[in-house]
Amino acid sequence: MAESLRRLISSETCGVLQEKLERWYKDYHINSCDQNLNRCCEIMELSAKIQGHLFSIFNQTAREGGHYAGVETIKSRLLPWLGTCFSSPAPGRPFETSFSKESHEKERQLRELANSRNHEILQLERELNSTRLQLSLVQQDLKAYQAKEECALRSLEKLSDYEQQVQTLKDEIAILGAQKSVLQSRLARSRSPSPRSIRSRSPSPLPIKSISPGRSRLTNTSRHAHLVERFRDIYAQARLDAQTLLRSYIDDLEMVQRIIYVAAVESFHAAKKAFRQFKMRVRKALSLSFSGTESVEDRVMDYIIRQEDLYDVQYSVNEVINAMNIHPRISFPPEVDFIMISSLIRELCRVAFSMQTLDPPLDISFATEGELFNEYKYRRSFDSDFTAPLVAYHVWPTLMENDSVIVKGEVVTRRGALWSHRSRSRSRGRSQTRSRSLSPLSHGADHSRHLPSRSRSPSPLRSGSPRL
């Protein structure tokens, strides 16, 4: 115990504590708040060290006195002091500071601030509830307004349907008037017949069916997609079926592919011609007594779209076969007739006729043998020379919309295509003296006598002349 007390005295900690207290007192009024607090913490640390040494000395002294020595002192002095837990001294004592008052003041201010914030939160909640109530009322009013608007729209739709029905009736009346005038003119001619009137042929009256105004505009996109898909199907299926059928009679694959390509081109030509004639007849009938907000052209297209079944496709098929029989670039054995691929021609004519009702219409591109290969328009056939720059012949036409390619065509490219094309043209030109009668299934005898000769050997069974 004496040794511990000696070490405490020799450490001069108490002297350092006293010096620090004196310096702090002198500089207290010129120091900042942080500096004063730092000084106080340093003094508290020194005081803690001194208290630690004193507690060690207290412990050793109590042990040296035995079990019961110093008990009264501990009870009367140490325990009450420890029980106060270093509480602040009572007011009026020498060490009292204003720290406790400031802390109480700050606590009071914080409580007031918290109460004020709670009051503001409650006020905001009341305002939010009021706003939600107003929003609910506005939503109810909006739903009621939307219900009224829907009723008004239904009424307008019904009115529009009525107007369309009235316009349809006017169109039917116009067609009936046109039919009446045609029938009256025919009746007048029948009462006073003449050779000229007997030879003349009046166009048949247009059948009456319900017309939906604006149908061509409403269904243009869907019909466009459907017709392009049909054109692809013809290329993928019907073309191959016709090619297989022709290969059973013609060994030359190139000639078979040329025949199918010519059939496709001539089908589009015949269908476009039939469409122009049909459109002229419909325009003439509707323009006699037409009245309405739409133009005559719109009404004509609407009528043609609804009445596509009136298209005489068989007449176009006969025209295609006639054109193929006199085409200079294809030939075939005498026992073969182009009527065997009439199903392919008929489907091509129907698709081509329907494509003319689109806005803009679809058509096949112009092509010539020996032209420069264009990857934008064509794809090469599998048996092509992929290094050749020129087209030897065409397998399938390219489908176009104005200047845009919709479906690529197919061609065969070979080197020397231009020279071989000229040689074939000269040889076919020399063989034009040979003739062939047309098929009795698709042409009459009188018509066949006036057709130009074909580049093929005549058949004894068809022409009645011996084979040379």
Protein backbone atom coordinates (compact mmCIF):
# COMPACT_ATOMS: atom_id res chain seq x y z
CA MET A 1 0.00 0.00 0.00
CA ALA A 2 2.83 2.39 0.94
CA GLU A 3 4.62 1.54 -2.32
CA SER A 4 1.50 2.35 -4.35
CA LEU A 5 1.08 5.64 -2.54
CA ARG A 6 4.73 6.45 -3.18
CA ARG A 7 4.36 5.75 -6.92
CA LEU A 8 1.27 8.04 -7.03
CA ILE A 9 3.25 10.86 -5.42
CA SER A 10 6.30 10.33 -7.66
CA SER A 11 4.15 10.38 -10.84
CA GLU A 12 3.25 14.01 -10.11
CA THR A 13 -0.16 13.44 -11.71
CA CYS A 14 -1.84 15.56 -9.10
CA GLY A 15 0.51 18.43 -9.87
CA VAL A 16 -0.15 18.15 -13.57
CA LEU A 17 -3.89 18.15 -12.83
CA GLN A 18 -3.54 21.30 -10.79
CA GLU A 19 -1.49 23.04 -13.46
CA LYS A 20 -4.02 22.18 -16.14
CA LEU A 21 -6.85 23.47 -13.99
CA GLU A 22 -5.05 26.76 -13.49
CA ARG A 23 -4.21 27.20 -17.18
CA TRP A 24 -7.75 26.34 -18.16
CA TYR A 25 -9.10 28.91 -15.75
CA LYS A 26 -6.84 31.60 -17.19
CA ASP A 27 -7.70 30.80 -20.83
CA TYR A 28 -11.35 29.87 -20.36
CA HIS A 29 -12.80 33.17 -21.65
CA ILE A 30 -10.58 33.34 -24.72
CA ASN A 31 -10.98 29.68 -25.71
CA SER A 32 -13.67 28.45 -28.02
CA CYS A 33 -16.31 25.97 -26.93
CA ASP A 34 -14.48 23.04 -28.51
CA GLN A 35 -11.19 24.03 -26.84
CA ASN A 36 -12.83 24.30 -23.39
CA LEU A 37 -14.48 20.90 -23.86
CA ASN A 38 -11.15 19.37 -24.88
CA ARG A 39 -9.49 20.82 -21.76
CA CYS A 40 -12.27 19.46 -19.59
CA CYS A 41 -11.88 16.00 -21.15
CA GLU A 42 -8.12 16.05 -20.51
CA ILE A 43 -8.70 16.95 -16.84
CA MET A 44 -11.35 14.21 -16.53
CA GLU A 45 -8.88 11.69 -17.96
CA LEU A 46 -6.20 12.71 -15.42
CA SER A 47 -8.78 12.59 -12.63
CA ALA A 48 -9.77 9.08 -13.75
CA LYS A 49 -6.15 7.95 -13.57
CA ILE A 50 -5.82 9.36 -10.07
CA GLN A 51 -9.09 7.69 -9.01
CA GLY A 52 -7.81 4.41 -10.45
CA HIS A 53 -4.68 4.61 -8.31
CA LEU A 54 -6.75 5.60 -5.26
CA PHE A 55 -9.13 2.65 -5.72
CA SER A 56 -6.11 0.30 -5.91
CA ILE A 57 -4.70 1.79 -2.69
CA PHE A 58 -8.21 1.56 -1.13
CA ASN A 59 -8.43 -2.13 -2.06
CA GLN A 60 -5.00 -3.00 -0.70
CA THR A 61 -5.62 -1.09 2.53
CA ALA A 62 -8.94 -2.89 3.07
CA ARG A 63 -7.24 -6.28 2.51
CA GLU A 64 -4.50 -5.47 4.98
CA GLY A 65 -7.08 -4.63 7.69
CA GLY A 66 -8.76 -8.06 7.55
CA HIS A 67 -12.36 -9.09 7.02
CA TYR A 68 -14.04 -6.63 9.34
CA ALA A 69 -11.57 -3.72 9.40
CA GLY A 70 -12.83 -0.53 7.74
CA VAL A 71 -16.42 -1.78 7.30
CA GLU A 72 -17.97 1.19 9.00
CA THR A 73 -15.96 3.62 6.89
CA ILE A 74 -16.98 1.85 3.71
CA LYS A 75 -20.65 1.93 4.74
CA SER A 76 -20.67 5.53 5.87
CA ARG A 77 -18.45 7.11 3.24
CA LEU A 78 -17.90 4.99 0.10
CA LEU A 79 -21.27 3.41 -0.48
CA PRO A 80 -23.34 6.62 -0.17
CA TRP A 81 -20.93 8.35 -2.48
CA LEU A 82 -21.16 5.57 -5.06
CA GLY A 83 -24.95 5.58 -4.69
CA THR A 84 -25.23 9.14 -5.88
CA CYS A 85 -23.79 7.92 -9.29
CA PHE A 86 -21.88 11.14 -9.65
CA SER A 87 -25.10 13.13 -9.80
CA SER A 88 -24.90 16.89 -10.23
CA PRO A 89 -24.48 18.80 -6.98
CA ALA A 90 -27.43 20.66 -5.55
CA PRO A 91 -28.00 24.31 -6.44
CA GLY A 92 -25.89 26.78 -4.58
CA ARG A 93 -22.82 24.43 -4.32
CA PRO A 94 -19.41 25.60 -5.60
CA PHE A 95 -19.22 23.19 -8.59
CA GLU A 96 -22.67 23.89 -9.99
CA THR A 97 -22.66 24.91 -13.70
CA SER A 98 -25.25 26.01 -16.18
CA PHE A 99 -24.94 22.79 -18.22
CA SER A 100 -27.98 21.16 -16.60
CA LYS A 101 -30.08 24.28 -17.19
CA GLU A 102 -29.06 24.41 -20.83
CA SER A 103 -29.85 20.73 -21.28
CA HIS A 104 -33.28 21.20 -19.73
CA GLU A 105 -33.91 24.18 -21.96
CA LYS A 106 -32.90 22.20 -25.03
CA GLU A 107 -35.10 19.29 -24.02
CA ARG A 108 -38.01 21.67 -23.57
CA GLN A 109 -37.40 23.19 -27.00
CA LEU A 110 -37.16 19.75 -28.57
CA ARG A 111 -40.45 18.72 -26.96
CA GLU A 112 -42.11 21.88 -28.26
CA LEU A 113 -40.66 21.27 -31.73
CA ALA A 114 -41.86 17.66 -31.70
CA ASN A 115 -45.34 18.77 -30.63
CA SER A 116 -45.36 21.36 -33.42
CA ARG A 117 -44.28 18.77 -35.98
CA ASN A 118 -46.94 16.34 -34.79
CA HIS A 119 -49.54 19.07 -35.12
CA GLU A 120 -48.37 19.81 -38.67
CA ILE A 121 -48.47 16.10 -39.56
CA LEU A 122 -52.02 15.82 -38.28
CA GLN A 123 -52.99 18.90 -40.28
CA LEU A 124 -51.42 17.43 -43.44
CA GLU A 125 -53.20 14.13 -42.88
CA ARG A 126 -56.53 15.95 -42.60
CA GLU A 127 -55.79 17.85 -45.82
CA LEU A 128 -54.74 14.61 -47.55
CA ASN A 129 -57.99 12.91 -46.52
CA SER A 130 -59.93 15.89 -47.83
CA THR A 131 -58.02 15.75 -51.14
CA ARG A 132 -58.68 12.02 -51.44
CA LEU A 133 -62.37 12.63 -50.91
CA GLN A 134 -62.39 15.31 -53.61
CA LEU A 135 -60.47 13.00 -55.97
CA SER A 136 -63.02 10.23 -55.39
CA LEU A 137 -65.82 12.63 -56.27
CA VAL A 138 -64.01 13.73 -59.42
CA GLN A 139 -63.48 10.09 -60.46
CA GLN A 140 -67.18 9.40 -59.98
CA ASP A 141 -68.04 12.42 -62.13
CA LEU A 142 -65.55 11.25 -64.76
CA LYS A 143 -67.09 7.78 -64.87
CA ALA A 144 -70.53 9.29 -65.28
CA TYR A 145 -69.23 11.51 -68.10
CA GLN A 146 -67.57 8.51 -69.83
CA ALA A 147 -70.83 6.57 -69.62
CA LYS A 148 -72.67 9.46 -71.25
CA GLU A 149 -69.97 9.72 -73.93
CA GLU A 150 -70.23 5.99 -74.71
CA CYS A 151 -73.98 6.34 -75.18
CA ALA A 152 -73.38 9.28 -77.50
CA LEU A 153 -70.80 7.28 -79.50
CA ARG A 154 -73.22 4.38 -79.87
CA SER A 155 -75.83 6.79 -81.16
CA LEU A 156 -73.34 8.22 -83.66
CA GLU A 157 -72.38 4.72 -84.82
CA LYS A 158 -76.01 3.85 -85.36
CA LEU A 159 -76.46 7.09 -87.29
CA SER A 160 -73.40 6.27 -89.42
CA ASP A 161 -74.82 2.79 -90.10
CA TYR A 162 -78.10 4.35 -91.17
CA GLU A 163 -76.27 6.72 -93.51
CA GLN A 164 -74.32 3.82 -95.01
CA GLN A 165 -77.53 1.88 -95.55
CA VAL A 166 -79.11 4.90 -97.22
CA GLN A 167 -76.07 5.26 -99.48
CA THR A 168 -76.20 1.55 -100.30
CA LEU A 169 -79.85 1.88 -101.26
CA LYS A 170 -79.01 4.87 -103.46
CA ASP A 171 -76.29 2.86 -105.19
CA GLU A 172 -78.63 -0.05 -105.77
CA ILE A 173 -81.21 2.35 -107.18
CA ALA A 174 -78.54 3.74 -109.51
CA ILE A 175 -77.63 0.23 -110.68
CA LEU A 176 -81.30 -0.63 -111.17
CA GLY A 177 -81.73 2.54 -113.23
CA ALA A 178 -78.73 1.58 -115.35
CA GLN A 179 -80.11 -1.90 -115.83
CA LYS A 180 -83.47 -0.46 -116.76
CA SER A 181 -81.95 1.80 -119.41
CA VAL A 182 -79.94 -1.12 -120.83
CA LEU A 183 -83.01 -3.35 -120.93
CA GLN A 184 -85.09 -0.61 -122.56
CA SER A 185 -82.46 -0.04 -125.23
CA ARG A 186 -82.24 -3.76 -125.92
CA LEU A 187 -86.04 -4.00 -126.08
CA ALA A 188 -86.16 -1.11 -128.56
CA ARG A 189 -83.52 -2.78 -130.74
CA SER A 190 -85.36 -6.09 -130.59
CA ARG A 191 -88.52 -4.44 -131.93
CA SER A 192 -86.68 -3.04 -134.94
CA PRO A 193 -83.93 -5.53 -135.72
CA SER A 194 -81.15 -4.78 -138.18
CA PRO A 195 -78.05 -6.73 -139.24
CA ARG A 196 -75.85 -4.29 -137.42
CA SER A 197 -77.89 -4.50 -134.24
CA ILE A 198 -77.94 -8.27 -134.45
CA ARG A 199 -74.15 -8.41 -134.66
CA SER A 200 -73.70 -5.92 -131.82
CA ARG A 201 -73.40 -7.27 -128.34
CA SER A 202 -74.53 -5.22 -125.38
CA PRO A 203 -72.68 -5.66 -122.09
CA SER A 204 -74.55 -7.71 -119.53
CA PRO A 205 -76.17 -5.74 -116.70
CA LEU A 206 -74.32 -5.64 -113.39
CA PRO A 207 -75.77 -7.94 -110.70
CA ILE A 208 -77.00 -6.26 -107.56
CA LYS A 209 -75.36 -7.07 -104.27
CA SER A 210 -74.96 -5.16 -101.07
CA ILE A 211 -72.00 -2.78 -101.08
CA SER A 212 -70.06 -1.78 -98.02
CA PRO A 213 -68.79 1.82 -98.49
CA GLY A 214 -65.05 2.22 -98.06
CA ARG A 215 -64.41 -1.53 -98.06
CA SER A 216 -61.36 -1.16 -100.32
CA ARG A 217 -59.75 1.24 -97.84
CA LEU A 218 -60.73 -0.74 -94.75
CA THR A 219 -59.43 -4.11 -96.01
CA ASN A 220 -56.49 -3.03 -98.17
CA THR A 221 -53.81 -4.12 -95.69
CA SER A 222 -55.33 -7.51 -94.92
CA ARG A 223 -56.03 -8.24 -98.60
CA HIS A 224 -52.48 -7.19 -99.48
CA ALA A 225 -51.01 -9.69 -97.02
CA HIS A 226 -53.42 -12.44 -98.15
CA LEU A 227 -52.66 -11.98 -101.86
CA VAL A 228 -48.89 -11.93 -101.31
CA GLU A 229 -49.21 -15.16 -99.36
CA ARG A 230 -51.27 -16.72 -102.18
CA PHE A 231 -48.59 -15.68 -104.67
CA ARG A 232 -45.95 -17.38 -102.51
CA ASP A 233 -48.10 -20.54 -102.27
CA ILE A 234 -48.46 -20.69 -106.06
CA TYR A 235 -44.69 -20.49 -106.40
CA ALA A 236 -44.12 -23.14 -103.72
CA GLN A 237 -46.83 -25.66 -104.67
CA ALA A 238 -48.85 -25.05 -107.86
CA ARG A 239 -45.73 -24.17 -109.89
CA LEU A 240 -43.97 -27.38 -108.85
CA ASP A 241 -47.08 -29.46 -109.63
CA ALA A 242 -47.26 -27.97 -113.12
CA GLN A 243 -43.51 -28.52 -113.58
CA THR A 244 -43.85 -32.19 -112.60
CA LEU A 245 -46.75 -32.63 -115.02
CA LEU A 246 -44.87 -31.04 -117.93
CA ARG A 247 -41.71 -33.05 -117.20
CA SER A 248 -43.64 -36.23 -117.96
CA TYR A 249 -43.93 -35.01 -121.59
CA ILE A 250 -40.90 -32.72 -121.96
CA ASP A 251 -37.41 -33.84 -120.94
CA ASP A 252 -35.83 -30.40 -121.20
CA LEU A 253 -36.10 -28.76 -117.71
CA GLU A 254 -35.17 -25.36 -119.14
CA MET A 255 -38.09 -25.46 -121.60
CA VAL A 256 -40.49 -26.53 -118.84
CA GLN A 257 -39.39 -23.62 -116.65
CA ARG A 258 -39.69 -21.21 -119.58
CA ILE A 259 -43.24 -22.41 -120.25
CA ILE A 260 -44.27 -21.83 -116.61
CA TYR A 261 -42.66 -18.37 -116.55
CA VAL A 262 -44.44 -17.35 -119.78
CA ALA A 263 -47.71 -18.66 -118.32
CA ALA A 264 -47.23 -16.44 -115.24
CA VAL A 265 -46.42 -13.34 -117.30
CA GLU A 266 -49.30 -13.84 -119.73
CA SER A 267 -51.70 -14.51 -116.81
CA PHE A 268 -50.90 -11.11 -115.31
CA HIS A 269 -51.34 -9.41 -118.70
CA ALA A 270 -54.72 -11.07 -119.31
CA ALA A 271 -55.95 -10.37 -115.76
CA LYS A 272 -54.99 -6.68 -115.95
CA LYS A 273 -56.78 -6.35 -119.27
CA ALA A 274 -59.92 -7.98 -117.86
CA PHE A 275 -59.75 -5.72 -114.80
CA ARG A 276 -59.61 -2.57 -116.94
CA GLN A 277 -62.63 -3.68 -118.98
CA PHE A 278 -64.63 -4.65 -115.90
CA LYS A 279 -63.79 -1.34 -114.22
CA MET A 280 -64.95 0.63 -117.26
CA ARG A 281 -68.31 -1.18 -117.23
CA VAL A 282 -68.84 -0.55 -113.49
CA ARG A 283 -67.85 3.13 -113.80
CA LYS A 284 -70.26 3.61 -116.68
CA ALA A 285 -73.13 2.03 -114.74
CA LEU A 286 -72.52 3.96 -111.50
CA SER A 287 -71.89 7.34 -113.11
CA LEU A 288 -75.40 7.49 -114.63
CA SER A 289 -77.15 8.40 -111.38
CA PHE A 290 -74.46 8.57 -108.69
CA SER A 291 -74.88 10.83 -105.65
CA GLY A 292 -72.92 10.76 -102.42
CA THR A 293 -69.94 12.06 -100.50
CA GLU A 294 -67.45 9.49 -101.87
CA SER A 295 -65.90 9.78 -105.31
CA VAL A 296 -67.02 7.62 -108.21
CA GLU A 297 -63.65 5.83 -108.25
CA ASP A 298 -64.03 4.79 -104.59
CA ARG A 299 -67.49 3.41 -105.25
CA VAL A 300 -66.25 1.58 -108.33
CA MET A 301 -63.41 -0.06 -106.40
CA ASP A 302 -65.77 -0.99 -103.55
CA TYR A 303 -68.10 -2.65 -106.04
CA ILE A 304 -65.32 -4.57 -107.81
CA ILE A 305 -63.92 -5.88 -104.51
CA ARG A 306 -67.34 -7.16 -103.49
CA GLN A 307 -68.10 -8.60 -106.93
CA GLU A 308 -64.80 -10.32 -107.78
CA ASP A 309 -66.71 -13.55 -108.42
CA LEU A 310 -68.13 -11.90 -111.57
CA TYR A 311 -64.66 -11.98 -113.13
CA ASP A 312 -64.75 -14.34 -116.14
CA VAL A 313 -61.52 -16.14 -115.33
CA GLN A 314 -62.05 -18.82 -117.98
CA TYR A 315 -61.96 -16.18 -120.70
CA SER A 316 -58.59 -14.99 -119.37
CA VAL A 317 -57.31 -18.58 -119.26
CA ASN A 318 -58.21 -19.01 -122.94
CA GLU A 319 -56.40 -15.75 -123.75
CA VAL A 320 -53.28 -16.93 -121.92
CA ILE A 321 -53.25 -20.26 -123.75
CA ASN A 322 -53.70 -18.49 -127.10
CA ALA A 323 -50.77 -16.18 -126.30
CA MET A 324 -48.60 -19.14 -125.25
CA ASN A 325 -49.39 -21.04 -128.44
CA ILE A 326 -47.84 -18.26 -130.52
CA HIS A 327 -45.03 -17.30 -128.13
CA PRO A 328 -41.66 -17.39 -129.94
CA ARG A 329 -39.53 -18.55 -127.01
CA ILE A 330 -41.28 -21.77 -126.00
CA SER A 331 -42.02 -25.00 -127.86
CA PHE A 332 -43.37 -28.41 -126.93
CA PRO A 333 -44.19 -31.81 -128.49
CA PRO A 334 -47.32 -32.07 -130.67
CA GLU A 335 -49.13 -34.31 -128.21
CA VAL A 336 -48.86 -31.69 -125.44
CA ASP A 337 -51.42 -28.94 -124.95
CA PHE A 338 -51.07 -26.00 -122.55
CA ILE A 339 -54.55 -26.70 -121.25
CA MET A 340 -52.97 -29.31 -118.97
CA ILE A 341 -51.61 -26.46 -116.79
CA SER A 342 -54.88 -24.49 -116.87
CA SER A 343 -55.29 -24.86 -113.09
CA LEU A 344 -52.01 -22.95 -112.55
CA ILE A 345 -53.04 -20.30 -115.10
CA ARG A 346 -56.49 -19.93 -113.52
CA GLU A 347 -55.07 -19.37 -110.04
CA LEU A 348 -52.52 -16.86 -111.37
CA CYS A 349 -55.26 -14.94 -113.18
CA ARG A 350 -57.41 -14.75 -110.06
CA VAL A 351 -54.54 -13.53 -107.90
CA ALA A 352 -53.42 -11.00 -110.52
CA PHE A 353 -57.00 -9.66 -110.91
CA SER A 354 -57.38 -9.23 -107.14
CA MET A 355 -54.00 -7.52 -106.91
CA GLN A 356 -55.28 -4.76 -109.20
CA THR A 357 -57.86 -3.79 -106.55
CA LEU A 358 -55.13 -2.88 -104.03
CA ASP A 359 -53.92 0.67 -103.44
CA PRO A 360 -51.28 0.75 -104.84
CA PRO A 361 -51.75 -2.33 -107.06
CA LEU A 362 -49.23 -5.18 -107.26
CA ASP A 363 -47.64 -6.25 -110.54
CA ILE A 364 -44.74 -8.32 -111.85
CA SER A 365 -41.58 -6.59 -112.97
CA PHE A 366 -40.43 -6.22 -116.57
CA ALA A 367 -37.67 -8.70 -117.45
CA THR A 368 -35.59 -9.68 -120.48
CA GLU A 369 -33.26 -12.56 -121.15
CA GLY A 370 -29.61 -11.61 -121.05
CA GLU A 371 -30.18 -8.81 -118.54
CA LEU A 372 -27.72 -8.11 -115.73
CA PHE A 373 -28.44 -10.14 -112.60
CA ASN A 374 -29.91 -8.01 -109.80
CA GLU A 375 -29.75 -9.43 -106.26
CA TYR A 376 -32.45 -6.97 -105.17
CA LYS A 377 -34.99 -8.50 -107.61
CA TYR A 378 -33.92 -12.13 -108.12
CA ARG A 379 -32.49 -15.18 -106.47
CA ARG A 380 -30.41 -17.70 -108.43
CA SER A 381 -31.71 -21.20 -109.13
CA PHE A 382 -29.76 -24.10 -107.66
CA ASP A 383 -28.32 -25.13 -111.09
CA SER A 384 -27.05 -21.62 -111.89
CA ASP A 385 -23.48 -20.50 -112.42
CA PHE A 386 -23.13 -18.26 -109.37
CA THR A 387 -20.22 -16.37 -110.94
CA ALA A 388 -22.13 -15.49 -114.13
CA PRO A 389 -23.30 -11.86 -114.29
CA LEU A 390 -26.09 -12.32 -116.89
CA VAL A 391 -29.51 -13.98 -116.72
CA ALA A 392 -29.88 -16.95 -119.06
CA TYR A 393 -33.65 -17.30 -118.52
CA HIS A 394 -36.32 -16.62 -115.89
CA VAL A 395 -37.99 -19.24 -113.72
CA TRP A 396 -40.46 -17.05 -111.79
CA PRO A 397 -41.33 -13.33 -112.03
CA THR A 398 -40.65 -10.71 -109.36
CA LEU A 399 -43.67 -9.23 -107.55
CA MET A 400 -43.43 -5.45 -107.23
CA GLU A 401 -45.29 -2.59 -105.55
CA ASN A 402 -44.32 0.50 -107.52
CA ASP A 403 -40.49 0.34 -107.26
CA SER A 404 -40.36 -1.88 -104.16
CA VAL A 405 -39.77 -5.63 -104.35
CA ILE A 406 -42.41 -7.61 -102.44
CA VAL A 407 -41.41 -11.17 -103.49
CA LYS A 408 -38.14 -11.97 -105.26
CA GLY A 409 -38.19 -13.80 -108.58
CA GLU A 410 -36.01 -16.75 -109.59
CA VAL A 411 -33.59 -16.85 -112.51
CA VAL A 412 -30.86 -19.08 -113.98
CA THR A 413 -27.50 -17.38 -114.60
CA ARG A 414 -24.91 -18.81 -116.97
CA ARG A 415 -21.86 -17.50 -118.76
CA GLY A 416 -22.43 -16.64 -122.39
CA ALA A 417 -26.15 -16.15 -121.73
CA LEU A 418 -26.44 -13.21 -124.14
CA TRP A 419 -24.78 -15.10 -127.02
CA SER A 420 -26.87 -18.23 -126.48
CA HIS A 421 -30.01 -16.06 -126.28
CA ARG A 422 -29.26 -14.49 -129.68
CA SER A 423 -28.50 -17.88 -131.24
CA ARG A 424 -31.78 -19.31 -129.97
CA SER A 425 -33.70 -16.28 -131.26
CA ARG A 426 -32.24 -16.69 -134.78
CA SER A 427 -32.93 -20.43 -134.83
CA ARG A 428 -36.50 -19.92 -133.65
CA GLY A 429 -36.98 -17.17 -136.21
CA ARG A 430 -35.97 -19.57 -139.00
CA SER A 431 -38.34 -22.25 -137.67
CA GLN A 432 -41.40 -19.95 -137.66
CA THR A 433 -42.53 -21.42 -141.03
CA ARG A 434 -43.74 -24.51 -139.25
CA SER A 435 -47.30 -24.29 -137.99
CA ARG A 436 -49.54 -25.98 -135.48
CA SER A 437 -53.29 -25.85 -135.00
CA LEU A 438 -54.62 -24.75 -131.62
CA SER A 439 -56.17 -27.10 -129.10
CA PRO A 440 -59.84 -27.90 -129.88
CA LEU A 441 -60.55 -27.71 -126.16
CA SER A 442 -59.78 -24.01 -125.86
CA HIS A 443 -60.06 -22.52 -129.38
CA GLY A 444 -62.35 -22.76 -132.35
CA ALA A 445 -61.38 -24.02 -135.78
CA ASP A 446 -61.92 -20.65 -137.46
CA HIS A 447 -59.75 -18.89 -134.90
CA SER A 448 -56.90 -21.42 -135.25
CA ARG A 449 -56.59 -20.81 -138.99
CA HIS A 450 -55.77 -17.14 -138.42
CA LEU A 451 -53.10 -17.64 -135.67
CA PRO A 452 -49.40 -17.19 -136.53
CA SER A 453 -47.23 -20.27 -136.93
CA ARG A 454 -45.34 -21.77 -133.94
CA SER A 455 -41.67 -22.76 -133.63
CA ARG A 456 -42.31 -26.51 -133.40
CA SER A 457 -42.88 -29.44 -135.70
CA PRO A 458 -46.52 -29.83 -136.80
CA SER A 459 -48.52 -32.80 -135.58
CA PRO A 460 -50.14 -35.07 -138.22
CA LEU A 461 -53.02 -35.60 -135.88
CA ARG A 462 -53.67 -31.83 -135.45
CA SER A 463 -52.80 -30.24 -138.78
CA GLY A 464 -53.65 -33.06 -141.10
CA SER A 465 -50.42 -32.59 -143.11
CA PRO A 466 -47.53 -35.07 -143.21
CA ARG A 467 -44.62 -34.43 -140.85
CA LEU A 468 -41.55 -33.13 -142.64
